[in-house]
């Protein structure tokens, strides 16, 4: 009986660990708007600062209404979030471990705070591209949650 319990416990532990690390490519959200964000590259200046290089694809969206479907990545531990990252991969994909690469991300500044969810959310706001040295975060400003329409 103890051997069976031990074997089952071990099997559940390995199954759980494997399930947590499995990459599901179907979770990645793809769209022209994510392609635009992903088209930005960065160069290191003489002052060791990152400077963004914008493509024509993203420049056409600058300071305009921009909507994006993605996954909420919290910056702070809170119940409601006004400022967070939106990514093309869910947080469960563990992109910081380096296995799946770093997905496209954007900083979001909401008009009204929203609760955390691990489901994709659609937001609409104004796309802001940073200018000047050491400002590299693309921002979706004055963002609003677009109600769930079963994407």
N, C-alpha and C. Protein backbone atom coordinates (compact mmCIF):
# COMPACT_ATOMS: atom_id res chain seq x y z
N UNK A 1 0.82 -1.19 0.00
CA UNK A 1 0.00 0.00 0.00
C UNK A 1 0.87 1.26 0.00
N UNK A 2 1.93 1.25 0.80
CA UNK A 2 2.82 2.40 0.86
C UNK A 2 3.52 2.61 -0.48
N UNK A 3 3.91 1.51 -1.14
CA UNK A 3 4.58 1.61 -2.44
C UNK A 3 3.64 2.23 -3.48
N UNK A 4 2.39 1.84 -3.46
CA UNK A 4 1.42 2.40 -4.40
C UNK A 4 1.22 3.88 -4.13
N UNK A 5 1.06 4.25 -2.85
CA UNK A 5 0.90 5.65 -2.49
C UNK A 5 2.12 6.46 -2.93
N UNK A 6 3.31 5.95 -2.65
CA UNK A 6 4.54 6.64 -3.03
C UNK A 6 4.64 6.77 -4.55
N UNK A 7 4.32 5.71 -5.27
CA UNK A 7 4.38 5.74 -6.75
C UNK A 7 3.39 6.75 -7.32
N UNK A 8 2.18 6.73 -6.79
CA UNK A 8 1.17 7.70 -7.27
C UNK A 8 1.57 9.13 -6.93
N UNK A 9 2.10 9.36 -5.74
CA UNK A 9 2.54 10.70 -5.35
C UNK A 9 3.64 11.20 -6.27
N UNK A 10 4.61 10.32 -6.53
CA UNK A 10 5.71 10.68 -7.42
C UNK A 10 5.20 10.97 -8.83
N UNK A 11 4.27 10.13 -9.30
CA UNK A 11 3.71 10.34 -10.64
C UNK A 11 2.97 11.67 -10.73
N UNK A 12 2.17 12.02 -9.71
CA UNK A 12 1.44 13.29 -9.70
C UNK A 12 2.40 14.48 -9.67
N UNK A 13 3.48 14.36 -8.90
CA UNK A 13 4.47 15.45 -8.83
C UNK A 13 5.11 15.70 -10.18
N UNK A 14 5.54 14.64 -10.84
CA UNK A 14 6.18 14.79 -12.16
C UNK A 14 5.18 15.29 -13.20
N UNK A 15 3.95 14.76 -13.14
CA UNK A 15 2.92 15.21 -14.09
C UNK A 15 2.64 16.70 -13.90
N UNK A 16 2.51 17.14 -12.66
CA UNK A 16 2.26 18.55 -12.37
C UNK A 16 3.41 19.42 -12.84
N UNK A 17 4.64 19.03 -12.53
CA UNK A 17 5.82 19.80 -12.94
C UNK A 17 5.92 19.88 -14.44
N UNK A 18 5.67 18.78 -15.13
CA UNK A 18 5.76 18.78 -16.59
C UNK A 18 4.66 19.66 -17.18
N UNK A 19 3.46 19.56 -16.63
CA UNK A 19 2.34 20.36 -17.14
C UNK A 19 2.61 21.84 -16.98
N UNK A 20 3.29 22.24 -15.91
CA UNK A 20 3.58 23.65 -15.67
C UNK A 20 4.62 24.19 -16.64
N UNK A 21 5.48 23.35 -17.18
CA UNK A 21 6.56 23.84 -18.03
C UNK A 21 6.30 23.62 -19.52
N UNK A 22 5.21 22.98 -19.87
CA UNK A 22 4.93 22.71 -21.27
C UNK A 22 4.52 23.99 -21.98
N UNK A 23 5.16 24.24 -23.10
CA UNK A 23 4.83 25.42 -23.90
C UNK A 23 3.72 25.08 -24.87
N UNK A 24 2.67 25.86 -24.85
CA UNK A 24 1.57 25.66 -25.77
C UNK A 24 1.57 26.80 -26.78
N UNK A 25 2.06 26.55 -28.01
CA UNK A 25 2.12 27.62 -29.00
C UNK A 25 0.76 28.20 -29.36
N UNK A 26 -0.31 27.48 -29.08
CA UNK A 26 -1.65 27.99 -29.37
C UNK A 26 -2.06 29.12 -28.44
N UNK A 27 -1.34 29.28 -27.31
CA UNK A 27 -1.64 30.36 -26.38
C UNK A 27 -1.16 31.72 -26.88
N UNK A 28 -0.19 31.73 -27.80
CA UNK A 28 0.35 33.00 -28.27
C UNK A 28 -0.68 33.71 -29.14
N UNK A 29 -0.87 34.98 -28.84
CA UNK A 29 -1.81 35.81 -29.60
C UNK A 29 -1.04 36.50 -30.72
N UNK A 30 -1.56 36.38 -31.90
CA UNK A 30 -0.92 36.99 -33.07
C UNK A 30 -1.91 37.95 -33.73
N UNK A 31 -1.39 39.12 -34.11
CA UNK A 31 -2.21 40.11 -34.82
C UNK A 31 -1.27 41.13 -35.46
N UNK A 32 -1.80 41.95 -36.33
CA UNK A 32 -1.00 43.01 -36.97
C UNK A 32 -0.51 43.99 -35.91
N UNK A 33 -1.31 44.23 -34.87
CA UNK A 33 -0.90 45.16 -33.82
C UNK A 33 0.26 44.60 -33.00
N UNK A 34 0.25 43.27 -32.71
CA UNK A 34 1.40 42.67 -32.03
C UNK A 34 2.62 42.66 -32.96
N UNK A 35 2.40 42.46 -34.24
CA UNK A 35 3.52 42.53 -35.20
C UNK A 35 4.15 43.92 -35.20
N UNK A 36 3.31 44.95 -35.11
CA UNK A 36 3.82 46.33 -35.07
C UNK A 36 4.68 46.55 -33.83
N UNK A 37 4.22 46.09 -32.68
CA UNK A 37 4.99 46.24 -31.45
C UNK A 37 6.29 45.45 -31.54
N UNK A 38 6.22 44.25 -32.08
CA UNK A 38 7.40 43.41 -32.23
C UNK A 38 8.39 43.89 -33.26
N UNK A 39 7.99 44.84 -34.10
CA UNK A 39 8.89 45.34 -35.14
C UNK A 39 9.91 46.34 -34.60
N UNK A 40 9.71 46.82 -33.38
CA UNK A 40 10.62 47.79 -32.78
C UNK A 40 11.91 47.07 -32.36
N UNK A 41 13.04 47.66 -32.74
CA UNK A 41 14.34 47.13 -32.32
C UNK A 41 15.02 48.20 -31.47
N UNK A 42 16.09 47.81 -30.81
CA UNK A 42 16.80 48.73 -29.92
C UNK A 42 18.29 48.66 -30.19
N UNK A 43 18.95 49.83 -30.07
CA UNK A 43 20.41 49.89 -30.18
C UNK A 43 20.95 50.48 -28.89
N UNK A 44 22.17 50.09 -28.57
CA UNK A 44 22.84 50.60 -27.38
C UNK A 44 23.65 51.82 -27.78
N UNK A 45 23.41 52.95 -27.11
CA UNK A 45 24.11 54.19 -27.43
C UNK A 45 25.47 54.22 -26.74
N UNK A 46 26.25 55.26 -27.04
CA UNK A 46 27.56 55.42 -26.39
C UNK A 46 27.44 55.58 -24.89
N UNK A 47 26.29 56.05 -24.42
CA UNK A 47 26.06 56.26 -22.98
C UNK A 47 25.48 55.00 -22.32
N UNK A 48 25.54 53.86 -23.01
CA UNK A 48 24.99 52.60 -22.51
C UNK A 48 23.48 52.69 -22.24
N UNK A 49 22.78 53.40 -23.08
CA UNK A 49 21.33 53.52 -22.98
C UNK A 49 20.71 52.87 -24.21
N UNK A 50 19.55 52.26 -24.01
CA UNK A 50 18.83 51.68 -25.14
C UNK A 50 18.04 52.76 -25.85
N UNK A 51 18.14 52.75 -27.15
CA UNK A 51 17.39 53.71 -27.96
C UNK A 51 16.54 52.93 -28.97
N UNK A 52 15.21 53.18 -28.99
CA UNK A 52 14.34 52.42 -29.89
C UNK A 52 14.49 52.87 -31.34
N UNK A 53 14.34 51.92 -32.25
CA UNK A 53 14.30 52.20 -33.69
C UNK A 53 12.93 51.75 -34.16
N UNK A 54 12.14 52.72 -34.63
CA UNK A 54 10.76 52.45 -35.03
C UNK A 54 10.66 52.18 -36.52
N UNK A 55 9.85 51.19 -36.85
CA UNK A 55 9.58 50.89 -38.25
C UNK A 55 8.36 51.70 -38.71
N UNK A 56 8.18 51.74 -39.99
CA UNK A 56 7.02 52.43 -40.56
C UNK A 56 5.73 51.78 -40.07
N UNK A 57 5.77 50.47 -39.85
CA UNK A 57 4.59 49.74 -39.39
C UNK A 57 4.06 50.28 -38.07
N UNK A 58 4.92 50.55 -37.10
CA UNK A 58 4.44 51.05 -35.82
C UNK A 58 4.23 52.56 -35.81
N UNK A 59 5.00 53.28 -36.59
CA UNK A 59 4.87 54.75 -36.61
C UNK A 59 3.48 55.19 -37.08
N UNK A 60 2.84 54.40 -37.92
CA UNK A 60 1.50 54.80 -38.39
C UNK A 60 0.44 54.74 -37.29
N UNK A 61 0.76 54.07 -36.18
CA UNK A 61 -0.18 53.97 -35.05
C UNK A 61 0.10 54.97 -33.94
N UNK A 62 1.22 55.68 -34.00
CA UNK A 62 1.63 56.57 -32.92
C UNK A 62 0.58 57.64 -32.64
N UNK A 63 0.25 57.82 -31.37
CA UNK A 63 -0.73 58.81 -30.89
C UNK A 63 -2.12 58.61 -31.48
N UNK A 64 -2.42 57.38 -31.85
CA UNK A 64 -3.75 57.06 -32.39
C UNK A 64 -4.38 55.96 -31.55
N UNK A 65 -5.68 55.79 -31.75
CA UNK A 65 -6.40 54.73 -31.07
C UNK A 65 -5.83 53.38 -31.50
N UNK A 66 -5.62 52.50 -30.53
CA UNK A 66 -4.94 51.22 -30.78
C UNK A 66 -5.59 50.19 -29.88
N UNK A 67 -6.04 49.07 -30.47
CA UNK A 67 -6.61 48.04 -29.60
C UNK A 67 -5.76 46.78 -29.69
N UNK A 68 -5.76 46.04 -28.59
CA UNK A 68 -4.85 44.91 -28.47
C UNK A 68 -5.46 43.84 -27.58
N UNK A 69 -5.39 42.61 -28.03
CA UNK A 69 -5.80 41.46 -27.24
C UNK A 69 -4.54 40.84 -26.66
N UNK A 70 -4.50 40.61 -25.34
CA UNK A 70 -3.31 40.05 -24.73
C UNK A 70 -3.56 39.58 -23.32
N UNK A 71 -2.47 39.21 -22.66
CA UNK A 71 -2.52 38.68 -21.30
C UNK A 71 -1.96 39.69 -20.31
N UNK A 72 -2.66 39.88 -19.20
CA UNK A 72 -2.26 40.82 -18.16
C UNK A 72 -1.08 40.22 -17.37
N UNK A 73 0.02 40.97 -17.29
CA UNK A 73 1.18 40.60 -16.49
C UNK A 73 1.33 41.67 -15.41
N UNK A 74 1.02 41.34 -14.15
CA UNK A 74 1.07 42.35 -13.09
C UNK A 74 2.48 42.88 -12.85
N UNK A 75 2.56 44.15 -12.47
CA UNK A 75 3.83 44.76 -12.08
C UNK A 75 3.92 44.75 -10.56
N UNK A 76 2.77 44.93 -9.89
CA UNK A 76 2.71 44.93 -8.43
C UNK A 76 1.65 43.93 -7.98
N UNK A 77 1.80 43.47 -6.77
CA UNK A 77 0.85 42.52 -6.20
C UNK A 77 -0.33 43.32 -5.63
N UNK A 78 -1.44 43.31 -6.36
CA UNK A 78 -2.64 44.05 -5.97
C UNK A 78 -3.87 43.27 -6.43
N UNK A 79 -5.04 43.67 -5.92
CA UNK A 79 -6.28 43.08 -6.39
C UNK A 79 -6.74 43.72 -7.69
N UNK A 80 -6.53 45.02 -7.82
CA UNK A 80 -6.91 45.75 -9.04
C UNK A 80 -5.66 46.39 -9.63
N UNK A 81 -5.61 46.46 -10.95
CA UNK A 81 -4.41 46.95 -11.64
C UNK A 81 -4.74 48.14 -12.55
N UNK A 82 -3.99 49.23 -12.36
CA UNK A 82 -4.11 50.42 -13.22
C UNK A 82 -2.96 50.48 -14.21
N UNK A 83 -1.83 49.88 -13.80
CA UNK A 83 -0.60 49.91 -14.59
C UNK A 83 -0.03 48.49 -14.59
N UNK A 84 0.15 47.92 -15.77
CA UNK A 84 0.64 46.56 -15.89
C UNK A 84 1.19 46.35 -17.29
N UNK A 85 1.77 45.19 -17.52
CA UNK A 85 2.24 44.83 -18.85
C UNK A 85 1.18 43.98 -19.52
N UNK A 86 1.06 44.12 -20.82
CA UNK A 86 0.20 43.26 -21.62
C UNK A 86 1.13 42.50 -22.54
N UNK A 87 1.00 41.17 -22.57
CA UNK A 87 1.91 40.34 -23.36
C UNK A 87 1.13 39.46 -24.32
N UNK A 88 1.84 38.99 -25.34
CA UNK A 88 1.23 38.11 -26.33
C UNK A 88 1.21 36.66 -25.86
N UNK A 89 1.89 36.36 -24.75
CA UNK A 89 1.88 35.03 -24.13
C UNK A 89 1.41 35.16 -22.68
N UNK A 90 0.70 34.14 -22.16
CA UNK A 90 0.26 34.20 -20.77
C UNK A 90 1.43 34.06 -19.80
N UNK A 91 1.24 34.55 -18.59
CA UNK A 91 2.27 34.49 -17.57
C UNK A 91 2.64 33.04 -17.25
N UNK A 92 1.72 32.11 -17.44
CA UNK A 92 2.00 30.70 -17.16
C UNK A 92 3.03 30.10 -18.11
N UNK A 93 3.33 30.78 -19.20
CA UNK A 93 4.33 30.27 -20.14
C UNK A 93 5.75 30.49 -19.64
N UNK A 94 5.92 31.25 -18.57
CA UNK A 94 7.22 31.47 -17.93
C UNK A 94 8.27 31.94 -18.94
N UNK A 95 7.99 33.05 -19.60
CA UNK A 95 8.94 33.52 -20.61
C UNK A 95 10.21 34.10 -20.00
N UNK A 96 10.20 34.40 -18.69
CA UNK A 96 11.41 34.92 -18.06
C UNK A 96 12.46 33.85 -17.86
N UNK A 97 12.05 32.56 -17.92
CA UNK A 97 13.03 31.49 -17.73
C UNK A 97 13.85 31.28 -19.00
N UNK A 98 13.47 31.89 -20.10
CA UNK A 98 14.27 31.82 -21.31
C UNK A 98 13.92 30.67 -22.23
N UNK A 99 12.99 29.81 -21.84
CA UNK A 99 12.65 28.67 -22.67
C UNK A 99 11.85 29.06 -23.90
N UNK A 100 10.96 30.01 -23.75
CA UNK A 100 10.07 30.37 -24.83
C UNK A 100 10.41 31.72 -25.45
N UNK A 101 11.49 32.32 -25.03
CA UNK A 101 11.84 33.64 -25.53
C UNK A 101 10.99 34.69 -24.84
N UNK A 102 11.30 35.93 -25.05
CA UNK A 102 10.54 37.02 -24.45
C UNK A 102 9.50 37.47 -25.48
N UNK A 103 8.23 37.41 -25.12
CA UNK A 103 7.19 37.82 -26.07
C UNK A 103 7.11 39.34 -26.17
N UNK A 104 6.41 39.79 -27.17
CA UNK A 104 6.15 41.23 -27.28
C UNK A 104 5.33 41.65 -26.07
N UNK A 105 5.68 42.81 -25.50
CA UNK A 105 4.95 43.34 -24.35
C UNK A 105 4.80 44.84 -24.52
N UNK A 106 3.81 45.37 -23.82
CA UNK A 106 3.53 46.80 -23.85
C UNK A 106 3.08 47.22 -22.45
N UNK A 107 3.47 48.41 -22.02
CA UNK A 107 3.01 48.94 -20.74
C UNK A 107 1.61 49.51 -20.94
N UNK A 108 0.71 49.20 -20.01
CA UNK A 108 -0.67 49.68 -20.09
C UNK A 108 -0.94 50.59 -18.90
N UNK A 109 -1.54 51.74 -19.19
CA UNK A 109 -2.00 52.67 -18.16
C UNK A 109 -3.51 52.82 -18.35
N UNK A 110 -4.28 52.22 -17.43
CA UNK A 110 -5.73 52.17 -17.55
C UNK A 110 -6.38 53.46 -17.05
N UNK A 111 -7.54 53.78 -17.63
CA UNK A 111 -8.36 54.88 -17.10
C UNK A 111 -8.95 54.45 -15.75
N UNK A 112 -9.40 53.20 -15.68
CA UNK A 112 -9.98 52.63 -14.46
C UNK A 112 -9.31 51.29 -14.18
N UNK A 113 -9.02 51.00 -12.91
CA UNK A 113 -8.36 49.73 -12.57
C UNK A 113 -9.22 48.51 -12.96
N UNK A 114 -8.53 47.40 -13.26
CA UNK A 114 -9.21 46.15 -13.58
C UNK A 114 -8.64 45.04 -12.71
N UNK A 115 -9.42 43.99 -12.52
CA UNK A 115 -8.99 42.83 -11.74
C UNK A 115 -8.11 41.93 -12.59
N UNK A 116 -7.21 41.19 -11.92
CA UNK A 116 -6.35 40.24 -12.61
C UNK A 116 -7.18 39.11 -13.19
N UNK A 117 -6.77 38.65 -14.35
CA UNK A 117 -7.33 37.46 -14.98
C UNK A 117 -6.22 36.78 -15.75
N UNK A 118 -6.30 35.47 -15.86
CA UNK A 118 -5.32 34.76 -16.68
C UNK A 118 -5.86 34.51 -18.08
N UNK A 119 -7.06 35.00 -18.34
CA UNK A 119 -7.67 34.90 -19.67
C UNK A 119 -7.26 36.12 -20.51
N UNK A 120 -7.26 36.01 -21.83
CA UNK A 120 -6.95 37.17 -22.66
C UNK A 120 -7.96 38.30 -22.45
N UNK A 121 -7.46 39.53 -22.51
CA UNK A 121 -8.33 40.70 -22.41
C UNK A 121 -8.07 41.60 -23.62
N UNK A 122 -9.09 42.32 -24.05
CA UNK A 122 -8.94 43.26 -25.15
C UNK A 122 -9.02 44.66 -24.58
N UNK A 123 -8.00 45.47 -24.92
CA UNK A 123 -7.92 46.85 -24.44
C UNK A 123 -7.86 47.80 -25.62
N UNK A 124 -8.32 49.03 -25.38
CA UNK A 124 -8.24 50.07 -26.40
C UNK A 124 -7.74 51.33 -25.72
N UNK A 125 -6.74 51.97 -26.34
CA UNK A 125 -6.17 53.19 -25.79
C UNK A 125 -5.38 53.92 -26.86
N UNK A 126 -4.52 54.84 -26.43
CA UNK A 126 -3.69 55.63 -27.34
C UNK A 126 -2.26 55.09 -27.27
N UNK A 127 -1.71 54.74 -28.44
CA UNK A 127 -0.36 54.19 -28.49
C UNK A 127 0.66 55.32 -28.39
N UNK A 128 1.53 55.22 -27.38
CA UNK A 128 2.58 56.22 -27.15
C UNK A 128 3.94 55.57 -27.37
N UNK A 129 4.74 56.19 -28.21
CA UNK A 129 6.10 55.73 -28.47
C UNK A 129 7.07 56.65 -27.75
N UNK A 130 7.97 56.08 -26.96
CA UNK A 130 8.89 56.92 -26.17
C UNK A 130 9.88 57.66 -27.05
N UNK A 131 10.22 58.84 -26.63
CA UNK A 131 11.24 59.66 -27.31
C UNK A 131 12.26 60.06 -26.26
N UNK A 132 13.50 60.18 -26.65
CA UNK A 132 14.53 60.59 -25.71
C UNK A 132 15.33 59.41 -25.19
N UNK A 133 16.39 59.73 -24.49
CA UNK A 133 17.29 58.68 -24.03
C UNK A 133 16.70 57.90 -22.87
N UNK A 134 16.96 56.61 -22.88
CA UNK A 134 16.58 55.67 -21.83
C UNK A 134 15.08 55.56 -21.59
N UNK A 135 14.29 55.94 -22.56
CA UNK A 135 12.84 55.74 -22.49
C UNK A 135 12.48 54.72 -23.55
N UNK A 136 12.30 53.48 -23.14
CA UNK A 136 12.13 52.42 -24.12
C UNK A 136 10.79 51.70 -24.05
N UNK A 137 9.91 52.12 -23.14
CA UNK A 137 8.67 51.39 -22.93
C UNK A 137 7.55 51.96 -23.80
N UNK A 138 7.07 51.14 -24.73
CA UNK A 138 5.90 51.51 -25.53
C UNK A 138 4.69 51.42 -24.62
N UNK A 139 3.82 52.42 -24.67
CA UNK A 139 2.71 52.51 -23.72
C UNK A 139 1.37 52.60 -24.42
N UNK A 140 0.39 51.92 -23.86
CA UNK A 140 -1.00 52.08 -24.25
C UNK A 140 -1.64 52.94 -23.17
N UNK A 141 -1.81 54.24 -23.45
CA UNK A 141 -2.28 55.20 -22.45
C UNK A 141 -3.80 55.35 -22.50
N UNK A 142 -4.38 55.76 -21.37
CA UNK A 142 -5.83 55.97 -21.26
C UNK A 142 -6.61 54.75 -21.76
N UNK A 143 -6.11 53.58 -21.40
CA UNK A 143 -6.71 52.34 -21.91
C UNK A 143 -8.02 52.01 -21.21
N UNK A 144 -8.89 51.37 -21.97
CA UNK A 144 -10.16 50.91 -21.45
C UNK A 144 -10.34 49.45 -21.85
N UNK A 145 -11.00 48.71 -20.98
CA UNK A 145 -11.30 47.31 -21.25
C UNK A 145 -12.46 47.23 -22.23
N UNK A 146 -12.28 46.47 -23.29
CA UNK A 146 -13.37 46.24 -24.24
C UNK A 146 -14.08 44.98 -23.76
N UNK A 147 -15.39 45.03 -23.56
CA UNK A 147 -16.12 43.87 -23.02
C UNK A 147 -15.87 42.60 -23.82
N UNK A 148 -15.89 41.47 -23.10
CA UNK A 148 -15.67 40.15 -23.68
C UNK A 148 -16.67 39.90 -24.81
N UNK A 149 -16.11 39.57 -25.97
CA UNK A 149 -16.97 39.27 -27.12
C UNK A 149 -16.66 37.88 -27.66
N UNK A 150 -16.13 37.02 -26.79
CA UNK A 150 -15.76 35.64 -27.16
C UNK A 150 -14.82 35.61 -28.34
N UNK A 151 -13.54 35.96 -28.05
CA UNK A 151 -12.52 36.05 -29.10
C UNK A 151 -12.19 34.67 -29.56
